[in-house]
PDB file of N, CA and C in Angstrom:
ATOM      1  N   MET A   1     112.900  93.202 104.768  1.00  0.00           N
ATOM      2  CA  MET A   1     112.795  93.672 106.134  1.00  0.00           C
ATOM      3  C   MET A   1     113.894  93.056 106.992  1.00  0.00           C
ATOM      4  N   LYS A   2     114.193  91.765 106.767  1.00  0.00           N
ATOM      5  CA  LYS A   2     115.245  91.121 107.535  1.00  0.00           C
ATOM      6  C   LYS A   2     116.594  91.774 107.247  1.00  0.00           C
ATOM      7  N   THR A   3     116.761  92.225 106.018  1.00  0.00           N
ATOM      8  CA  THR A   3     117.999  92.888 105.654  1.00  0.00           C
ATOM      9  C   THR A   3     118.176  94.166 106.440  1.00  0.00           C
ATOM     10  N   SER A   4     117.105  94.929 106.555  1.00  0.00           N
ATOM     11  CA  SER A   4     117.205  96.184 107.296  1.00  0.00           C
ATOM     12  C   SER A   4     117.496  95.920 108.766  1.00  0.00           C
ATOM     13  N   ILE A   5     116.948  94.849 109.304  1.00  0.00           N
ATOM     14  CA  ILE A   5     117.230  94.496 110.697  1.00  0.00           C
ATOM     15  C   ILE A   5     118.703  94.128 110.845  1.00  0.00           C
ATOM     16  N   PHE A   6     119.220  93.364 109.894  1.00  0.00           N
ATOM     17  CA  PHE A   6     120.629  92.985 109.934  1.00  0.00           C
ATOM     18  C   PHE A   6     121.531  94.206 109.861  1.00  0.00           C
ATOM     19  N   LEU A   7     121.239  95.110 108.932  1.00  0.00           N
ATOM     20  CA  LEU A   7     122.049  96.314 108.805  1.00  0.00           C
ATOM     21  C   LEU A   7     121.939  97.187 110.043  1.00  0.00           C
ATOM     22  N   ALA A   8     120.749  97.271 110.605  1.00  0.00           N
ATOM     23  CA  ALA A   8     120.564  98.070 111.811  1.00  0.00           C
ATOM     24  C   ALA A   8     121.372  97.495 112.969  1.00  0.00           C
ATOM     25  N   LEU A   9     121.372  96.181 113.104  1.00  0.00           N
ATOM     26  CA  LEU A   9     122.162  95.552 114.165  1.00  0.00           C
ATOM     27  C   LEU A   9     123.658  95.762 113.941  1.00  0.00           C
ATOM     28  N   ALA A  10     124.080  95.723 112.683  1.00  0.00           N
ATOM     29  CA  ALA A  10     125.494  95.958 112.388  1.00  0.00           C
ATOM     30  C   ALA A  10     125.897  97.371 112.782  1.00  0.00           C
ATOM     31  N   ILE A  11     125.051  98.339 112.460  1.00  0.00           N
ATOM     32  CA  ILE A  11     125.325  99.726 112.842  1.00  0.00           C
ATOM     33  C   ILE A  11     125.340  99.859 114.353  1.00  0.00           C
ATOM     34  N   LEU A  12     124.413  99.207 115.010  1.00  0.00           N
ATOM     35  CA  LEU A  12     124.342  99.264 116.469  1.00  0.00           C
ATOM     36  C   LEU A  12     125.609  98.694 117.101  1.00  0.00           C
ATOM     37  N   VAL A  13     126.079  97.576 116.603  1.00  0.00           N
ATOM     38  CA  VAL A  13     127.293  96.962 117.151  1.00  0.00           C
ATOM     39  C   VAL A  13     128.493  97.879 116.959  1.00  0.00           C
ATOM     40  N   ILE A  14     128.601  98.470 115.787  1.00  0.00           N
ATOM     41  CA  ILE A  14     129.732  99.361 115.517  1.00  0.00           C
ATOM     42  C   ILE A  14     129.702 100.569 116.439  1.00  0.00           C
ATOM     43  N   THR A  15     128.534 101.143 116.634  1.00  0.00           N
ATOM     44  CA  THR A  15     128.459 102.334 117.480  1.00  0.00           C
ATOM     45  C   THR A  15     128.648 101.999 118.950  1.00  0.00           C
ATOM     46  N   VAL A  16     128.203 100.834 119.387  1.00  0.00           N
ATOM     47  CA  VAL A  16     128.382 100.457 120.789  1.00  0.00           C
ATOM     48  C   VAL A  16     129.854 100.195 121.085  1.00  0.00           C
ATOM     49  N   VAL A  17     130.553  99.596 120.153  1.00  0.00           N
ATOM     50  CA  VAL A  17     131.977  99.327 120.356  1.00  0.00           C
ATOM     51  C   VAL A  17     132.757 100.630 120.484  1.00  0.00           C
ATOM     52  N   ALA A  18     132.360 101.634 119.715  1.00  0.00           N
ATOM     53  CA  ALA A  18     133.066 102.915 119.739  1.00  0.00           C
ATOM     54  C   ALA A  18     132.452 103.894 120.735  1.00  0.00           C
ATOM     55  N   ALA A  19     131.622 103.421 121.629  1.00  0.00           N
ATOM     56  CA  ALA A  19     130.893 104.295 122.552  1.00  0.00           C
ATOM     57  C   ALA A  19     131.799 104.843 123.651  1.00  0.00           C
ATOM     58  N   PRO A  20     131.598 106.103 124.004  1.00  0.00           N
ATOM     59  CA  PRO A  20     132.332 106.669 125.139  1.00  0.00           C
ATOM     60  C   PRO A  20     131.766 106.152 126.460  1.00  0.00           C
ATOM     61  N   ALA A  21     132.544 106.283 127.536  1.00  0.00           N
ATOM     62  CA  ALA A  21     132.150 105.716 128.821  1.00  0.00           C
ATOM     63  C   ALA A  21     131.271 106.647 129.655  1.00  0.00           C
ATOM     64  N   ASP A  22     131.235 107.930 129.372  1.00  0.00           N
ATOM     65  CA  ASP A  22     130.453 108.840 130.216  1.00  0.00           C
ATOM     66  C   ASP A  22     128.966 108.788 129.873  1.00  0.00           C
ATOM     67  N   ASP A  23     128.124 109.277 130.804  1.00  0.00           N
ATOM     68  CA  ASP A  23     126.670 109.212 130.632  1.00  0.00           C
ATOM     69  C   ASP A  23     126.180 110.133 129.524  1.00  0.00           C
ATOM     70  N   LYS A  24     126.754 111.318 129.426  1.00  0.00           N
ATOM     71  CA  LYS A  24     126.329 112.244 128.374  1.00  0.00           C
ATOM     72  C   LYS A  24     126.617 111.644 127.001  1.00  0.00           C
ATOM     73  N   GLY A  25     127.753 110.997 126.909  1.00  0.00           N
ATOM     74  CA  GLY A  25     128.101 110.326 125.658  1.00  0.00           C
ATOM     75  C   GLY A  25     127.136 109.202 125.341  1.00  0.00           C
ATOM     76  N   GLN A  26     126.639 108.530 126.373  1.00  0.00           N
ATOM     77  CA  GLN A  26     125.672 107.448 126.169  1.00  0.00           C
ATOM     78  C   GLN A  26     124.365 107.993 125.603  1.00  0.00           C
ATOM     79  N   GLU A  27     123.918 109.124 126.128  1.00  0.00           N
ATOM     80  CA  GLU A  27     122.673 109.725 125.632  1.00  0.00           C
ATOM     81  C   GLU A  27     122.835 110.156 124.181  1.00  0.00           C
ATOM     82  N   ASP A  28     123.971 110.780 123.883  1.00  0.00           N
ATOM     83  CA  ASP A  28     124.231 111.179 122.504  1.00  0.00           C
ATOM     84  C   ASP A  28     124.311 109.955 121.600  1.00  0.00           C
ATOM     85  N   LEU A  29     124.926 108.920 122.102  1.00  0.00           N
ATOM     86  CA  LEU A  29     125.050 107.686 121.337  1.00  0.00           C
ATOM     87  C   LEU A  29     123.679 107.090 121.036  1.00  0.00           C
ATOM     88  N   LYS A  30     122.812 107.075 122.032  1.00  0.00           N
ATOM     89  CA  LYS A  30     121.461 106.535 121.831  1.00  0.00           C
ATOM     90  C   LYS A  30     120.729 107.315 120.751  1.00  0.00           C
ATOM     91  N   LYS A  31     120.860 108.630 120.789  1.00  0.00           N
ATOM     92  CA  LYS A  31     120.199 109.465 119.780  1.00  0.00           C
ATOM     93  C   LYS A  31     120.761 109.183 118.393  1.00  0.00           C
ATOM     94  N   LYS A  32     122.077 109.049 118.315  1.00  0.00           N
ATOM     95  CA  LYS A  32     122.705 108.783 117.025  1.00  0.00           C
ATOM     96  C   LYS A  32     122.287 107.418 116.478  1.00  0.00           C
ATOM     97  N   VAL A  33     122.269 106.432 117.353  1.00  0.00           N
ATOM     98  CA  VAL A  33     121.886 105.081 116.925  1.00  0.00           C
ATOM     99  C   VAL A  33     120.448 105.073 116.435  1.00  0.00           C
ATOM    100  N   MET A  34     119.564 105.697 117.176  1.00  0.00           N
ATOM    101  CA  MET A  34     118.156 105.738 116.766  1.00  0.00           C
ATOM    102  C   MET A  34     118.003 106.490 115.446  1.00  0.00           C
ATOM    103  N   LYS A  35     118.769 107.541 115.269  1.00  0.00           N
ATOM    104  CA  LYS A  35     118.713 108.300 114.019  1.00  0.00           C
ATOM    105  C   LYS A  35     119.181 107.429 112.853  1.00  0.00           C
ATOM    106  N   HIS A  36     120.288 106.717 113.052  1.00  0.00           N
ATOM    107  CA  HIS A  36     120.797 105.845 111.991  1.00  0.00           C
ATOM    108  C   HIS A  36     119.820 104.713 111.684  1.00  0.00           C
ATOM    109  N   LEU A  37     119.226 104.139 112.710  1.00  0.00           N
ATOM    110  CA  LEU A  37     118.246 103.071 112.488  1.00  0.00           C
ATOM    111  C   LEU A  37     117.059 103.590 111.684  1.00  0.00           C
ATOM    112  N   GLY A  38     116.612 104.787 112.014  1.00  0.00           N
ATOM    113  CA  GLY A  38     115.509 105.390 111.273  1.00  0.00           C
ATOM    114  C   GLY A  38     115.876 105.637 109.825  1.00  0.00           C
ATOM    115  N   GLU A  39     117.104 106.100 109.596  1.00  0.00           N
ATOM    116  CA  GLU A  39     117.545 106.353 108.224  1.00  0.00           C
ATOM    117  C   GLU A  39     117.630 105.062 107.422  1.00  0.00           C
ATOM    118  N   VAL A  40     118.137 104.014 108.027  1.00  0.00           N
ATOM    119  CA  VAL A  40     118.236 102.721 107.338  1.00  0.00           C
ATOM    120  C   VAL A  40     116.846 102.192 107.024  1.00  0.00           C
ATOM    121  N   ARG A  41     115.972 102.277 107.998  1.00  0.00           N
ATOM    122  CA  ARG A  41     114.602 101.791 107.799  1.00  0.00           C
ATOM    123  C   ARG A  41     113.894 102.583 106.700  1.00  0.00           C
ATOM    124  N   ARG A  42     114.061 103.892 106.720  1.00  0.00           N
ATOM    125  CA  ARG A  42     113.441 104.743 105.705  1.00  0.00           C
ATOM    126  C   ARG A  42     114.005 104.416 104.327  1.00  0.00           C
ATOM    127  N   PHE A  43     115.305 104.161 104.258  1.00  0.00           N
ATOM    128  CA  PHE A  43     115.927 103.815 102.982  1.00  0.00           C
ATOM    129  C   PHE A  43     115.286 102.575 102.380  1.00  0.00           C
ATOM    130  N   PHE A  44     115.111 101.537 103.189  1.00  0.00           N
ATOM    131  CA  PHE A  44     114.554 100.294 102.660  1.00  0.00           C
ATOM    132  C   PHE A  44     113.058 100.386 102.397  1.00  0.00           C
ATOM    133  N   ARG A  45     112.372 101.292 103.035  1.00  0.00           N
ATOM    134  CA  ARG A  45     110.929 101.428 102.803  1.00  0.00           C
ATOM    135  C   ARG A  45     110.599 102.365 101.650  1.00  0.00           C
ATOM    136  N   GLU A  46     111.324 103.465 101.512  1.00  0.00           N
ATOM    137  CA  GLU A  46     110.926 104.521 100.589  1.00  0.00           C
ATOM    138  C   GLU A  46     111.792 104.624  99.341  1.00  0.00           C
ATOM    139  N   ASP A  47     113.061 104.382  99.451  1.00  0.00           N
ATOM    140  CA  ASP A  47     113.973 104.569  98.330  1.00  0.00           C
ATOM    141  C   ASP A  47     113.815 103.424  97.324  1.00  0.00           C
ATOM    142  N   PRO A  48     113.735 103.739  96.034  1.00  0.00           N
ATOM    143  CA  PRO A  48     113.602 102.678  95.027  1.00  0.00           C
ATOM    144  C   PRO A  48     114.772 101.689  95.044  1.00  0.00           C
ATOM    145  N   LEU A  49     115.976 102.194  95.276  1.00  0.00           N
ATOM    146  CA  LEU A  49     117.129 101.299  95.345  1.00  0.00           C
ATOM    147  C   LEU A  49     117.019 100.365  96.546  1.00  0.00           C
ATOM    148  N   GLY A  50     116.578 100.886  97.673  1.00  0.00           N
ATOM    149  CA  GLY A  50     116.388 100.056  98.865  1.00  0.00           C
ATOM    150  C   GLY A  50     115.347  98.977  98.629  1.00  0.00           C
ATOM    151  N   GLN A  51     114.279  99.323  97.923  1.00  0.00           N
ATOM    152  CA  GLN A  51     113.237  98.344  97.616  1.00  0.00           C
ATOM    153  C   GLN A  51     113.766  97.268  96.670  1.00  0.00           C
ATOM    154  N   LYS A  52     114.622  97.669  95.726  1.00  0.00           N
ATOM    155  CA  LYS A  52     115.223  96.681  94.827  1.00  0.00           C
ATOM    156  C   LYS A  52     116.140  95.736  95.596  1.00  0.00           C
ATOM    157  N   ILE A  53     116.873  96.292  96.553  1.00  0.00           N
ATOM    158  CA  ILE A  53     117.761  95.460  97.370  1.00  0.00           C
ATOM    159  C   ILE A  53     116.948  94.439  98.150  1.00  0.00           C
ATOM    160  N   ILE A  54     115.843  94.881  98.737  1.00  0.00           N
ATOM    161  CA  ILE A  54     114.975  93.963  99.480  1.00  0.00           C
ATOM    162  C   ILE A  54     114.442  92.877  98.553  1.00  0.00           C
ATOM    163  N   TYR A  55     114.005  93.270  97.361  1.00  0.00           N
ATOM    164  CA  TYR A  55     113.483  92.304  96.396  1.00  0.00           C
ATOM    165  C   TYR A  55     114.548  91.267  96.037  1.00  0.00           C
ATOM    166  N   GLN A  56     115.785  91.721  95.804  1.00  0.00           N
ATOM    167  CA  GLN A  56     116.867  90.803  95.457  1.00  0.00           C
ATOM    168  C   GLN A  56     117.168  89.835  96.601  1.00  0.00           C
ATOM    169  N   PHE A  57     117.173  90.348  97.832  1.00  0.00           N
ATOM    170  CA  PHE A  57     117.413  89.471  98.979  1.00  0.00           C
ATOM    171  C   PHE A  57     116.281  88.462  99.142  1.00  0.00           C
ATOM    172  N   GLN A  58     115.045  88.873  98.876  1.00  0.00           N
ATOM    173  CA  GLN A  58     113.924  87.939  98.971  1.00  0.00           C
ATOM    174  C   GLN A  58     114.060  86.833  97.931  1.00  0.00           C
ATOM    175  N   GLU A  59     114.472  87.204  96.721  1.00  0.00           N
ATOM    176  CA  GLU A  59     114.699  86.193  95.690  1.00  0.00           C
ATOM    177  C   GLU A  59     115.829  85.250  96.090  1.00  0.00           C
ATOM    178  N   MET A  60     116.897  85.810  96.651  1.00  0.00           N
ATOM    179  CA  MET A  60     118.025  84.995  97.074  1.00  0.00           C
ATOM    180  C   MET A  60     117.609  84.017  98.173  1.00  0.00           C
ATOM    181  N   ILE A  61     116.780  84.466  99.092  1.00  0.00           N
ATOM    182  CA  ILE A  61     116.294  83.595 100.166  1.00  0.00           C
ATOM    183  C   ILE A  61     115.426  82.480  99.593  1.00  0.00           C
ATOM    184  N   ALA A  62     114.573  82.818  98.618  1.00  0.00           N
ATOM    185  CA  ALA A  62     113.724  81.804  97.991  1.00  0.00           C
ATOM    186  C   ALA A  62     114.577  80.759  97.265  1.00  0.00           C
ATOM    187  N   ILE A  63     115.618  81.207  96.583  1.00  0.00           N
ATOM    188  CA  ILE A  63     116.515  80.277  95.892  1.00  0.00           C
ATOM    189  C   ILE A  63     117.225  79.382  96.900  1.00  0.00           C
ATOM    190  N   ALA A  64     117.685  79.968  97.995  1.00  0.00           N
ATOM    191  CA  ALA A  64     118.374  79.183  99.028  1.00  0.00           C
ATOM    192  C   ALA A  64     117.442  78.133  99.627  1.00  0.00           C
ATOM    193  N   LYS A  65     116.169  78.486  99.831  1.00  0.00           N
ATOM    194  CA  LYS A  65     115.204  77.518 100.362  1.00  0.00           C
ATOM    195  C   LYS A  65     114.994  76.374  99.379  1.00  0.00           C
ATOM    196  N   THR A  66     114.895  76.700  98.100  1.00  0.00           N
ATOM    197  CA  THR A  66     114.711  75.674  97.078  1.00  0.00           C
ATOM    198  C   THR A  66     115.919  74.740  97.031  1.00  0.00           C
ATOM    199  N   ILE A  67     117.098  75.316  97.081  1.00  0.00           N
ATOM    200  CA  ILE A  67     118.317  74.502  97.072  1.00  0.00           C
ATOM    201  C   ILE A  67     118.356  73.595  98.292  1.00  0.00           C
ATOM    202  N   ARG A  68     118.004  74.141  99.440  1.00  0.00           N
ATOM    203  CA  ARG A  68     118.007  73.344 100.675  1.00  0.00           C
ATOM    204  C   ARG A  68     117.031  72.170 100.566  1.00  0.00           C
ATOM    205  N   GLN A  69     115.838  72.429 100.012  1.00  0.00           N
ATOM    206  CA  GLN A  69     114.856  71.360  99.853  1.00  0.00           C
ATOM    207  C   GLN A  69     115.385  70.269  98.925  1.00  0.00           C
ATOM    208  N   ARG A  70     116.022  70.671  97.829  1.00  0.00           N
ATOM    209  CA  ARG A  70     116.561  69.689  96.887  1.00  0.00           C
ATOM    210  C   ARG A  70     117.667  68.858  97.526  1.00  0.00           C
ATOM    211  N   ILE A  71     118.528  69.529  98.272  1.00  0.00           N
ATOM    212  CA  ILE A  71     119.620  68.807  98.931  1.00  0.00           C
ATOM    213  C   ILE A  71     119.065  67.814  99.938  1.00  0.00           C
ATOM    214  N   ARG A  72     118.090  68.239 100.717  1.00  0.00           N
ATOM    215  CA  ARG A  72     117.506  67.335 101.717  1.00  0.00           C
ATOM    216  C   ARG A  72     116.824  66.145 101.049  1.00  0.00           C
ATOM    217  N   LYS A  73     116.149  66.403  99.929  1.00  0.00           N
ATOM    218  CA  LYS A  73     115.474  65.322  99.208  1.00  0.00           C
ATOM    219  C   LYS A  73     116.498  64.316  98.690  1.00  0.00           C
ATOM    220  N   ARG A  74     117.557  64.816  98.053  1.00  0.00           N
ATOM    221  CA  ARG A  74     118.598  63.925  97.514  1.00  0.00           C
ATOM    222  C   ARG A  74     119.308  63.176  98.638  1.00  0.00           C
ATOM    223  N   LEU A  75     119.569  63.845  99.737  1.00  0.00           N
ATOM    224  CA  LEU A  75     120.223  63.195 100.867  1.00  0.00           C
ATOM    225  C   LEU A  75     119.332  62.096 101.440  1.00  0.00           C
ATOM    226  N   GLY A  76     118.038  62.367 101.523  1.00  0.00           N
ATOM    227  CA  GLY A  76     117.101  61.347 102.000  1.00  0.00           C
ATOM    228  C   GLY A  76     117.078  60.139 101.093  1.00  0.00           C
ATOM    229  N   GLU A  77     117.063  60.381  99.778  1.00  0.00           N
ATOM    230  CA  GLU A  77     117.083  59.270  98.825  1.00  0.00           C
ATOM    231  C   GLU A  77     118.379  58.474  98.947  1.00  0.00           C
ATOM    232  N   TYR A  78     119.474  59.175  99.114  1.00  0.00           N
ATOM    233  CA  TYR A  78     120.771  58.508  99.253  1.00  0.00           C
ATOM    234  C   TYR A  78     120.811  57.649 100.515  1.00  0.00           C
ATOM    235  N   LEU A  79     120.322  58.190 101.612  1.00  0.00           N
ATOM    236  CA  LEU A  79     120.331  57.438 102.870  1.00  0.00           C
ATOM    237  C   LEU A  79     119.410  56.226 102.807  1.00  0.00           C
ATOM    238  N   LYS A  80     118.261  56.360 102.135  1.00  0.00           N
ATOM    239  CA  LYS A  80     117.375  55.204 101.966  1.00  0.00           C
ATOM    240  C   LYS A  80     118.055  54.135 101.125  1.00  0.00           C
ATOM    241  N   GLY A  81     118.806  54.568 100.118  1.00  0.00           N
ATOM    242  CA  GLY A  81     119.551  53.621  99.292  1.00  0.00           C
ATOM    243  C   GLY A  81     120.606  52.887 100.097  1.00  0.00           C
ATOM    244  N   LEU A  82     121.251  53.596 101.010  1.00  0.00           N
ATOM    245  CA  LEU A  82     122.249  52.950 101.867  1.00  0.00           C
ATOM    246  C   LEU A  82     121.600  51.948 102.808  1.00  0.00           C
ATOM    247  N   GLU A  83     120.417  52.274 103.316  1.00  0.00           N
ATOM    248  CA  GLU A  83     119.714  51.360 104.218  1.00  0.00           C
ATOM    249  C   GLU A  83     119.298  50.086 103.489  1.00  0.00           C
ATOM    250  N   ASN A  84     118.926  50.214 102.235  1.00  0.00           N
ATOM    251  CA  ASN A  84     118.467  49.060 101.467  1.00  0.00           C
ATOM    252  C   ASN A  84     119.616  48.132 101.074  1.00  0.00           C
ATOM    253  N   GLU A  85     120.830  48.627 101.060  1.00  0.00           N
ATOM    254  CA  GLU A  85     121.979  47.786 100.663  1.00  0.00           C
ATOM    255  C   GLU A  85     122.404  46.849 101.718  1.00  0.00           C
TER     256      GLU A  85
END
């Protein structure tokens, strides 16, 4: 889900940067952005490939959390060793 939010924000930023200055263009832009956000969301919810991508990102996040915990543990042990010296 976080991945879809990230991709949606990326699409939003790209479309806002390329947005026209007139009001009619703004309304069209809003419709296009909402349509793209819906398509991205639908892709990650319904498409098997999108679900696999979400699963892979969840695994990657879990691995990153584990690595972070190990690093913090080792750093804590190292700092305690320095204090004892």
